[in-house]
Amino acid sequence: MTTPRLVSGYTVYAYSTPPNEDGPACAYMETKKDGSEEEPLTFRIFKTRRFRNGIEAMSAARNALAAVKSVDEEGVPDPMPE
């Protein structure tokens, strides 16, 4: 998991999962309203991209997190990678 960023009152994280028998490596972002007890919102990012390994997926997740400029009232980061 990356070092979180505070954007528009939301804590935003990025992480990846390694490939396994269920599928390829994946990249994710999570948002959580700062100070909230609610569960974070999880978004799978780069859904159409096939990562060869977890390291490649984590690199993409870090880059996506660095690009986030805002988070809307519903917790959706912008820009949201495809």
PDB file of N, CA and C in Angstrom:
ATOM      1  N   MET A   1       0.858  -1.172   0.000  1.00  0.00           N
ATOM      2  CA  MET A   1       0.000   0.000   0.000  1.00  0.00           C
ATOM      3  C   MET A   1       0.908   1.240   0.000  1.00  0.00           C
ATOM      4  N   THR A   2       0.467   2.250  -0.715  1.00  0.00           N
ATOM      5  CA  THR A   2       1.228   3.494  -0.795  1.00  0.00           C
ATOM      6  C   THR A   2       1.013   4.344   0.447  1.00  0.00           C
ATOM      7  N   THR A   3       1.816   5.365   0.573  1.00  0.00           N
ATOM      8  CA  THR A   3       1.585   6.379   1.590  1.00  0.00           C
ATOM      9  C   THR A   3       0.319   7.127   1.185  1.00  0.00           C
ATOM     10  N   PRO A   4      -0.642   7.260   2.099  1.00  0.00           N
ATOM     11  CA  PRO A   4      -1.907   7.908   1.729  1.00  0.00           C
ATOM     12  C   PRO A   4      -1.734   9.398   1.458  1.00  0.00           C
ATOM     13  N   ARG A   5      -2.643   9.932   0.659  1.00  0.00           N
ATOM     14  CA  ARG A   5      -2.712  11.370   0.394  1.00  0.00           C
ATOM     15  C   ARG A   5      -4.052  11.876   0.898  1.00  0.00           C
ATOM     16  N   LEU A   6      -4.070  13.089   1.415  1.00  0.00           N
ATOM     17  CA  LEU A   6      -5.313  13.726   1.809  1.00  0.00           C
ATOM     18  C   LEU A   6      -5.711  14.664   0.677  1.00  0.00           C
ATOM     19  N   VAL A   7      -6.860  14.356   0.044  1.00  0.00           N
ATOM     20  CA  VAL A   7      -7.341  15.116  -1.113  1.00  0.00           C
ATOM     21  C   VAL A   7      -8.818  15.432  -0.898  1.00  0.00           C
ATOM     22  N   SER A   8      -9.168  16.702  -0.903  1.00  0.00           N
ATOM     23  CA  SER A   8     -10.574  17.150  -0.781  1.00  0.00           C
ATOM     24  C   SER A   8     -11.271  16.554   0.436  1.00  0.00           C
ATOM     25  N   GLY A   9     -10.540  16.383   1.547  1.00  0.00           N
ATOM     26  CA  GLY A   9     -11.137  15.843   2.769  1.00  0.00           C
ATOM     27  C   GLY A   9     -11.229  14.326   2.803  1.00  0.00           C
ATOM     28  N   TYR A  10     -10.631  13.660   1.835  1.00  0.00           N
ATOM     29  CA  TYR A  10     -10.612  12.199   1.776  1.00  0.00           C
ATOM     30  C   TYR A  10      -9.178  11.698   1.842  1.00  0.00           C
ATOM     31  N   THR A  11      -8.977  10.601   2.549  1.00  0.00           N
ATOM     32  CA  THR A  11      -7.697   9.911   2.525  1.00  0.00           C
ATOM     33  C   THR A  11      -7.754   8.959   1.340  1.00  0.00           C
ATOM     34  N   VAL A  12      -6.756   9.041   0.463  1.00  0.00           N
ATOM     35  CA  VAL A  12      -6.728   8.226  -0.756  1.00  0.00           C
ATOM     36  C   VAL A  12      -5.497   7.324  -0.706  1.00  0.00           C
ATOM     37  N   TYR A  13      -5.712   6.025  -0.905  1.00  0.00           N
ATOM     38  CA  TYR A  13      -4.658   5.020  -0.908  1.00  0.00           C
ATOM     39  C   TYR A  13      -4.612   4.357  -2.279  1.00  0.00           C
ATOM     40  N   ALA A  14      -3.482   3.771  -2.608  1.00  0.00           N
ATOM     41  CA  ALA A  14      -3.376   2.942  -3.809  1.00  0.00           C
ATOM     42  C   ALA A  14      -2.608   1.672  -3.430  1.00  0.00           C
ATOM     43  N   TYR A  15      -2.994   0.567  -4.038  1.00  0.00           N
ATOM     44  CA  TYR A  15      -2.300  -0.698  -3.782  1.00  0.00           C
ATOM     45  C   TYR A  15      -2.528  -1.651  -4.942  1.00  0.00           C
ATOM     46  N   SER A  16      -1.846  -2.782  -4.898  1.00  0.00           N
ATOM     47  CA  SER A  16      -2.013  -3.793  -5.943  1.00  0.00           C
ATOM     48  C   SER A  16      -2.136  -5.166  -5.308  1.00  0.00           C
ATOM     49  N   THR A  17      -2.626  -6.098  -6.095  1.00  0.00           N
ATOM     50  CA  THR A  17      -2.656  -7.501  -5.686  1.00  0.00           C
ATOM     51  C   THR A  17      -1.869  -8.296  -6.723  1.00  0.00           C
ATOM     52  N   PRO A  18      -1.161  -9.334  -6.278  1.00  0.00           N
ATOM     53  CA  PRO A  18      -0.376 -10.133  -7.217  1.00  0.00           C
ATOM     54  C   PRO A  18      -1.278 -11.049  -8.041  1.00  0.00           C
ATOM     55  N   PRO A  19      -0.752 -11.566  -9.137  1.00  0.00           N
ATOM     56  CA  PRO A  19      -1.544 -12.529  -9.895  1.00  0.00           C
ATOM     57  C   PRO A  19      -1.757 -13.797  -9.059  1.00  0.00           C
ATOM     58  N   ASN A  20      -2.876 -14.441  -9.289  1.00  0.00           N
ATOM     59  CA  ASN A  20      -3.155 -15.717  -8.616  1.00  0.00           C
ATOM     60  C   ASN A  20      -4.021 -16.564  -9.529  1.00  0.00           C
ATOM     61  N   GLU A  21      -4.505 -17.683  -9.033  1.00  0.00           N
ATOM     62  CA  GLU A  21      -5.302 -18.565  -9.905  1.00  0.00           C
ATOM     63  C   GLU A  21      -6.613 -17.940 -10.352  1.00  0.00           C
ATOM     64  N   ASP A  22      -7.066 -16.895  -9.639  1.00  0.00           N
ATOM     65  CA  ASP A  22      -8.306 -16.210 -10.016  1.00  0.00           C
ATOM     66  C   ASP A  22      -8.117 -15.169 -11.108  1.00  0.00           C
ATOM     67  N   GLY A  23      -6.872 -14.735 -11.348  1.00  0.00           N
ATOM     68  CA  GLY A  23      -6.669 -13.729 -12.374  1.00  0.00           C
ATOM     69  C   GLY A  23      -5.326 -13.034 -12.278  1.00  0.00           C
ATOM     70  N   PRO A  24      -5.143 -12.036 -13.134  1.00  0.00           N
ATOM     71  CA  PRO A  24      -3.873 -11.306 -13.186  1.00  0.00           C
ATOM     72  C   PRO A  24      -3.724 -10.327 -12.016  1.00  0.00           C
ATOM     73  N   ALA A  25      -2.545  -9.732 -11.920  1.00  0.00           N
ATOM     74  CA  ALA A  25      -2.306  -8.671 -10.934  1.00  0.00           C
ATOM     75  C   ALA A  25      -3.267  -7.517 -11.217  1.00  0.00           C
ATOM     76  N   CYS A  26      -3.716  -6.848 -10.168  1.00  0.00           N
ATOM     77  CA  CYS A  26      -4.662  -5.739 -10.303  1.00  0.00           C
ATOM     78  C   CYS A  26      -4.195  -4.548  -9.488  1.00  0.00           C
ATOM     79  N   ALA A  27      -4.626  -3.352  -9.897  1.00  0.00           N
ATOM     80  CA  ALA A  27      -4.330  -2.105  -9.190  1.00  0.00           C
ATOM     81  C   ALA A  27      -5.633  -1.536  -8.637  1.00  0.00           C
ATOM     82  N   TYR A  28      -5.545  -0.937  -7.453  1.00  0.00           N
ATOM     83  CA  TYR A  28      -6.730  -0.399  -6.775  1.00  0.00           C
ATOM     84  C   TYR A  28      -6.437   0.954  -6.159  1.00  0.00           C
ATOM     85  N   MET A  29      -7.496   1.742  -5.975  1.00  0.00           N
ATOM     86  CA  MET A  29      -7.456   2.949  -5.150  1.00  0.00           C
ATOM     87  C   MET A  29      -8.613   2.856  -4.165  1.00  0.00           C
ATOM     88  N   GLU A  30      -8.391   3.380  -2.969  1.00  0.00           N
ATOM     89  CA  GLU A  30      -9.440   3.464  -1.960  1.00  0.00           C
ATOM     90  C   GLU A  30      -9.545   4.902  -1.472  1.00  0.00           C
ATOM     91  N   THR A  31     -10.766   5.312  -1.181  1.00  0.00           N
ATOM     92  CA  THR A  31     -10.989   6.624  -0.588  1.00  0.00           C
ATOM     93  C   THR A  31     -11.796   6.447   0.695  1.00  0.00           C
ATOM     94  N   LYS A  32     -11.468   7.269   1.675  1.00  0.00           N
ATOM     95  CA  LYS A  32     -12.201   7.252   2.938  1.00  0.00           C
ATOM     96  C   LYS A  32     -12.294   8.686   3.437  1.00  0.00           C
ATOM     97  N   LYS A  33     -13.510   9.118   3.766  1.00  0.00           N
ATOM     98  CA  LYS A  33     -13.720  10.474   4.297  1.00  0.00           C
ATOM     99  C   LYS A  33     -12.882  10.620   5.557  1.00  0.00           C
ATOM    100  N   ASP A  34     -12.082  11.678   5.612  1.00  0.00           N
ATOM    101  CA  ASP A  34     -11.188  11.889   6.742  1.00  0.00           C
ATOM    102  C   ASP A  34     -11.977  11.964   8.044  1.00  0.00           C
ATOM    103  N   GLY A  35     -11.610  11.145   9.012  1.00  0.00           N
ATOM    104  CA  GLY A  35     -12.271  11.123  10.307  1.00  0.00           C
ATOM    105  C   GLY A  35     -13.525  10.272  10.367  1.00  0.00           C
ATOM    106  N   SER A  36     -13.911   9.663   9.249  1.00  0.00           N
ATOM    107  CA  SER A  36     -15.128   8.856   9.196  1.00  0.00           C
ATOM    108  C   SER A  36     -14.857   7.427   9.676  1.00  0.00           C
ATOM    109  N   GLU A  37     -15.876   6.820  10.261  1.00  0.00           N
ATOM    110  CA  GLU A  37     -15.795   5.424  10.690  1.00  0.00           C
ATOM    111  C   GLU A  37     -16.305   4.466   9.611  1.00  0.00           C
ATOM    112  N   GLU A  38     -16.814   5.030   8.510  1.00  0.00           N
ATOM    113  CA  GLU A  38     -17.347   4.195   7.430  1.00  0.00           C
ATOM    114  C   GLU A  38     -16.234   3.437   6.720  1.00  0.00           C
ATOM    115  N   GLU A  39     -16.617   2.338   6.095  1.00  0.00           N
ATOM    116  CA  GLU A  39     -15.672   1.557   5.300  1.00  0.00           C
ATOM    117  C   GLU A  39     -15.210   2.385   4.103  1.00  0.00           C
ATOM    118  N   PRO A  40     -13.949   2.213   3.679  1.00  0.00           N
ATOM    119  CA  PRO A  40     -13.493   2.953   2.500  1.00  0.00           C
ATOM    120  C   PRO A  40     -14.173   2.458   1.227  1.00  0.00           C
ATOM    121  N   LEU A  41     -14.218   3.320   0.221  1.00  0.00           N
ATOM    122  CA  LEU A  41     -14.696   2.927  -1.106  1.00  0.00           C
ATOM    123  C   LEU A  41     -13.490   2.385  -1.873  1.00  0.00           C
ATOM    124  N   THR A  42     -13.648   1.260  -2.524  1.00  0.00           N
ATOM    125  CA  THR A  42     -12.557   0.631  -3.274  1.00  0.00           C
ATOM    126  C   THR A  42     -12.877   0.659  -4.754  1.00  0.00           C
ATOM    127  N   PHE A  43     -11.884   1.064  -5.551  1.00  0.00           N
ATOM    128  CA  PHE A  43     -12.023   1.158  -7.001  1.00  0.00           C
ATOM    129  C   PHE A  43     -10.910   0.358  -7.658  1.00  0.00           C
ATOM    130  N   ARG A  44     -11.281  -0.586  -8.499  1.00  0.00           N
ATOM    131  CA  ARG A  44     -10.266  -1.259  -9.311  1.00  0.00           C
ATOM    132  C   ARG A  44      -9.944  -0.323 -10.469  1.00  0.00           C
ATOM    133  N   ILE A  45      -8.668  -0.045 -10.670  1.00  0.00           N
ATOM    134  CA  ILE A  45      -8.259   0.877 -11.718  1.00  0.00           C
ATOM    135  C   ILE A  45      -7.496   0.122 -12.805  1.00  0.00           C
ATOM    136  N   PHE A  46      -7.450   0.690 -13.983  1.00  0.00           N
ATOM    137  CA  PHE A  46      -6.809   0.061 -15.142  1.00  0.00           C
ATOM    138  C   PHE A  46      -7.399  -1.327 -15.395  1.00  0.00           C
ATOM    139  N   LYS A  47      -8.725  -1.410 -15.414  1.00  0.00           N
ATOM    140  CA  LYS A  47      -9.422  -2.697 -15.573  1.00  0.00           C
ATOM    141  C   LYS A  47      -9.071  -3.425 -16.865  1.00  0.00           C
ATOM    142  N   THR A  48      -8.802  -2.690 -17.923  1.00  0.00           N
ATOM    143  CA  THR A  48      -8.542  -3.340 -19.209  1.00  0.00           C
ATOM    144  C   THR A  48      -7.065  -3.671 -19.405  1.00  0.00           C
ATOM    145  N   ARG A  49      -6.232  -3.228 -18.497  1.00  0.00           N
ATOM    146  CA  ARG A  49      -4.791  -3.473 -18.631  1.00  0.00           C
ATOM    147  C   ARG A  49      -4.399  -4.770 -17.951  1.00  0.00           C
ATOM    148  N   ARG A  50      -3.504  -5.512 -18.567  1.00  0.00           N
ATOM    149  CA  ARG A  50      -2.988  -6.760 -17.996  1.00  0.00           C
ATOM    150  C   ARG A  50      -1.589  -6.510 -17.454  1.00  0.00           C
ATOM    151  N   PHE A  51      -1.436  -6.588 -16.143  1.00  0.00           N
ATOM    152  CA  PHE A  51      -0.133  -6.425 -15.515  1.00  0.00           C
ATOM    153  C   PHE A  51       0.558  -7.780 -15.430  1.00  0.00           C
ATOM    154  N   ARG A  52       1.837  -7.799 -15.697  1.00  0.00           N
ATOM    155  CA  ARG A  52       2.593  -9.052 -15.647  1.00  0.00           C
ATOM    156  C   ARG A  52       2.840  -9.524 -14.222  1.00  0.00           C
ATOM    157  N   ASN A  53       2.903  -8.565 -13.285  1.00  0.00           N
ATOM    158  CA  ASN A  53       3.179  -8.933 -11.894  1.00  0.00           C
ATOM    159  C   ASN A  53       2.681  -7.827 -10.967  1.00  0.00           C
ATOM    160  N   GLY A  54       2.762  -8.087  -9.677  1.00  0.00           N
ATOM    161  CA  GLY A  54       2.296  -7.118  -8.693  1.00  0.00           C
ATOM    162  C   GLY A  54       3.110  -5.841  -8.671  1.00  0.00           C
ATOM    163  N   ILE A  55       4.393  -5.932  -9.008  1.00  0.00           N
ATOM    164  CA  ILE A  55       5.253  -4.746  -9.015  1.00  0.00           C
ATOM    165  C   ILE A  55       4.803  -3.777 -10.103  1.00  0.00           C
ATOM    166  N   GLU A  56       4.504  -4.308 -11.272  1.00  0.00           N
ATOM    167  CA  GLU A  56       4.016  -3.467 -12.373  1.00  0.00           C
ATOM    168  C   GLU A  56       2.676  -2.826 -12.014  1.00  0.00           C
ATOM    169  N   ALA A  57       1.797  -3.604 -11.388  1.00  0.00           N
ATOM    170  CA  ALA A  57       0.489  -3.082 -10.974  1.00  0.00           C
ATOM    171  C   ALA A  57       0.649  -2.006  -9.903  1.00  0.00           C
ATOM    172  N   MET A  58       1.597  -2.206  -8.974  1.00  0.00           N
ATOM    173  CA  MET A  58       1.816  -1.224  -7.917  1.00  0.00           C
ATOM    174  C   MET A  58       2.375   0.071  -8.482  1.00  0.00           C
ATOM    175  N   SER A  59       3.237  -0.022  -9.456  1.00  0.00           N
ATOM    176  CA  SER A  59       3.781   1.174 -10.104  1.00  0.00           C
ATOM    177  C   SER A  59       2.656   1.979 -10.750  1.00  0.00           C
ATOM    178  N   ALA A  60       1.747   1.311 -11.441  1.00  0.00           N
ATOM    179  CA  ALA A  60       0.609   1.983 -12.065  1.00  0.00           C
ATOM    180  C   ALA A  60      -0.300   2.607 -11.001  1.00  0.00           C
ATOM    181  N   ALA A  61      -0.509   1.894  -9.888  1.00  0.00           N
ATOM    182  CA  ALA A  61      -1.352   2.413  -8.807  1.00  0.00           C
ATOM    183  C   ALA A  61      -0.734   3.679  -8.203  1.00  0.00           C
ATOM    184  N   ARG A  62       0.586   3.674  -7.984  1.00  0.00           N
ATOM    185  CA  ARG A  62       1.272   4.862  -7.449  1.00  0.00           C
ATOM    186  C   ARG A  62       1.119   6.054  -8.384  1.00  0.00           C
ATOM    187  N   ASN A  63       1.302   5.804  -9.667  1.00  0.00           N
ATOM    188  CA  ASN A  63       1.165   6.885 -10.651  1.00  0.00           C
ATOM    189  C   ASN A  63      -0.257   7.444 -10.672  1.00  0.00           C
ATOM    190  N   ALA A  64      -1.242   6.560 -10.567  1.00  0.00           N
ATOM    191  CA  ALA A  64      -2.640   6.999 -10.543  1.00  0.00           C
ATOM    192  C   ALA A  64      -2.916   7.843  -9.299  1.00  0.00           C
ATOM    193  N   LEU A  65      -2.395   7.424  -8.157  1.00  0.00           N
ATOM    194  CA  LEU A  65      -2.580   8.181  -6.923  1.00  0.00           C
ATOM    195  C   LEU A  65      -1.945   9.564  -7.041  1.00  0.00           C
ATOM    196  N   ALA A  66      -0.765   9.635  -7.607  1.00  0.00           N
ATOM    197  CA  ALA A  66      -0.077  10.917  -7.771  1.00  0.00           C
ATOM    198  C   ALA A  66      -0.856  11.863  -8.680  1.00  0.00           C
ATOM    199  N   ALA A  67      -1.638  11.323  -9.606  1.00  0.00           N
ATOM    200  CA  ALA A  67      -2.387  12.139 -10.565  1.00  0.00           C
ATOM    201  C   ALA A  67      -3.719  12.654 -10.023  1.00  0.00           C
ATOM    202  N   VAL A  68      -4.198  12.108  -8.886  1.00  0.00           N
ATOM    203  CA  VAL A  68      -5.501  12.524  -8.346  1.00  0.00           C
ATOM    204  C   VAL A  68      -5.453  13.999  -7.952  1.00  0.00           C
ATOM    205  N   LYS A  69      -6.384  14.759  -8.509  1.00  0.00           N
ATOM    206  CA  LYS A  69      -6.451  16.200  -8.238  1.00  0.00           C
ATOM    207  C   LYS A  69      -7.562  16.545  -7.255  1.00  0.00           C
ATOM    208  N   SER A  70      -8.624  15.724  -7.242  1.00  0.00           N
ATOM    209  CA  SER A  70      -9.738  15.989  -6.333  1.00  0.00           C
ATOM    210  C   SER A  70     -10.505  14.694  -6.090  1.00  0.00           C
ATOM    211  N   VAL A  71     -11.392  14.742  -5.101  1.00  0.00           N
ATOM    212  CA  VAL A  71     -12.302  13.638  -4.793  1.00  0.00           C
ATOM    213  C   VAL A  71     -13.679  14.260  -4.646  1.00  0.00           C
ATOM    214  N   ASP A  72     -14.683  13.713  -5.355  1.00  0.00           N
ATOM    215  CA  ASP A  72     -16.019  14.317  -5.281  1.00  0.00           C
ATOM    216  C   ASP A  72     -16.717  13.960  -3.968  1.00  0.00           C
ATOM    217  N   GLU A  73     -17.915  14.502  -3.769  1.00  0.00           N
ATOM    218  CA  GLU A  73     -18.654  14.313  -2.518  1.00  0.00           C
ATOM    219  C   GLU A  73     -19.013  12.856  -2.246  1.00  0.00           C
ATOM    220  N   GLU A  74     -19.020  12.030  -3.298  1.00  0.00           N
ATOM    221  CA  GLU A  74     -19.347  10.612  -3.131  1.00  0.00           C
ATOM    222  C   GLU A  74     -18.105   9.757  -2.940  1.00  0.00           C
ATOM    223  N   GLY A  75     -16.924  10.386  -2.927  1.00  0.00           N
ATOM    224  CA  GLY A  75     -15.683   9.663  -2.671  1.00  0.00           C
ATOM    225  C   GLY A  75     -14.986   9.149  -3.914  1.00  0.00           C
ATOM    226  N   VAL A  76     -15.380   9.630  -5.099  1.00  0.00           N
ATOM    227  CA  VAL A  76     -14.774   9.154  -6.342  1.00  0.00           C
ATOM    228  C   VAL A  76     -13.595  10.064  -6.717  1.00  0.00           C
ATOM    229  N   PRO A  77     -12.388   9.477  -6.856  1.00  0.00           N
ATOM    230  CA  PRO A  77     -11.226  10.285  -7.210  1.00  0.00           C
ATOM    231  C   PRO A  77     -11.302  10.766  -8.664  1.00  0.00           C
ATOM    232  N   ASP A  78     -10.700  11.941  -8.892  1.00  0.00           N
ATOM    233  CA  ASP A  78     -10.643  12.501 -10.244  1.00  0.00           C
ATOM    234  C   ASP A  78      -9.220  12.975 -10.504  1.00  0.00           C
ATOM    235  N   PRO A  79      -8.583  12.580 -11.580  1.00  0.00           N
ATOM    236  CA  PRO A  79      -9.121  11.695 -12.605  1.00  0.00           C
ATOM    237  C   PRO A  79      -9.103  10.239 -12.151  1.00  0.00           C
ATOM    238  N   MET A  80     -10.058   9.481 -12.657  1.00  0.00           N
ATOM    239  CA  MET A  80     -10.153   8.049 -12.363  1.00  0.00           C
ATOM    240  C   MET A  80      -9.606   7.283 -13.567  1.00  0.00           C
ATOM    241  N   PRO A  81      -8.515   6.554 -13.391  1.00  0.00           N
ATOM    242  CA  PRO A  81      -7.993   5.784 -14.530  1.00  0.00           C
ATOM    243  C   PRO A  81      -9.007   4.746 -15.004  1.00  0.00           C
ATOM    244  N   GLU A  82      -8.960   4.444 -16.292  1.00  0.00           N
ATOM    245  CA  GLU A  82      -9.873   3.436 -16.868  1.00  0.00           C
ATOM    246  C   GLU A  82      -9.542   2.056 -16.356  1.00  0.00           C
TER     247      GLU A  82
END
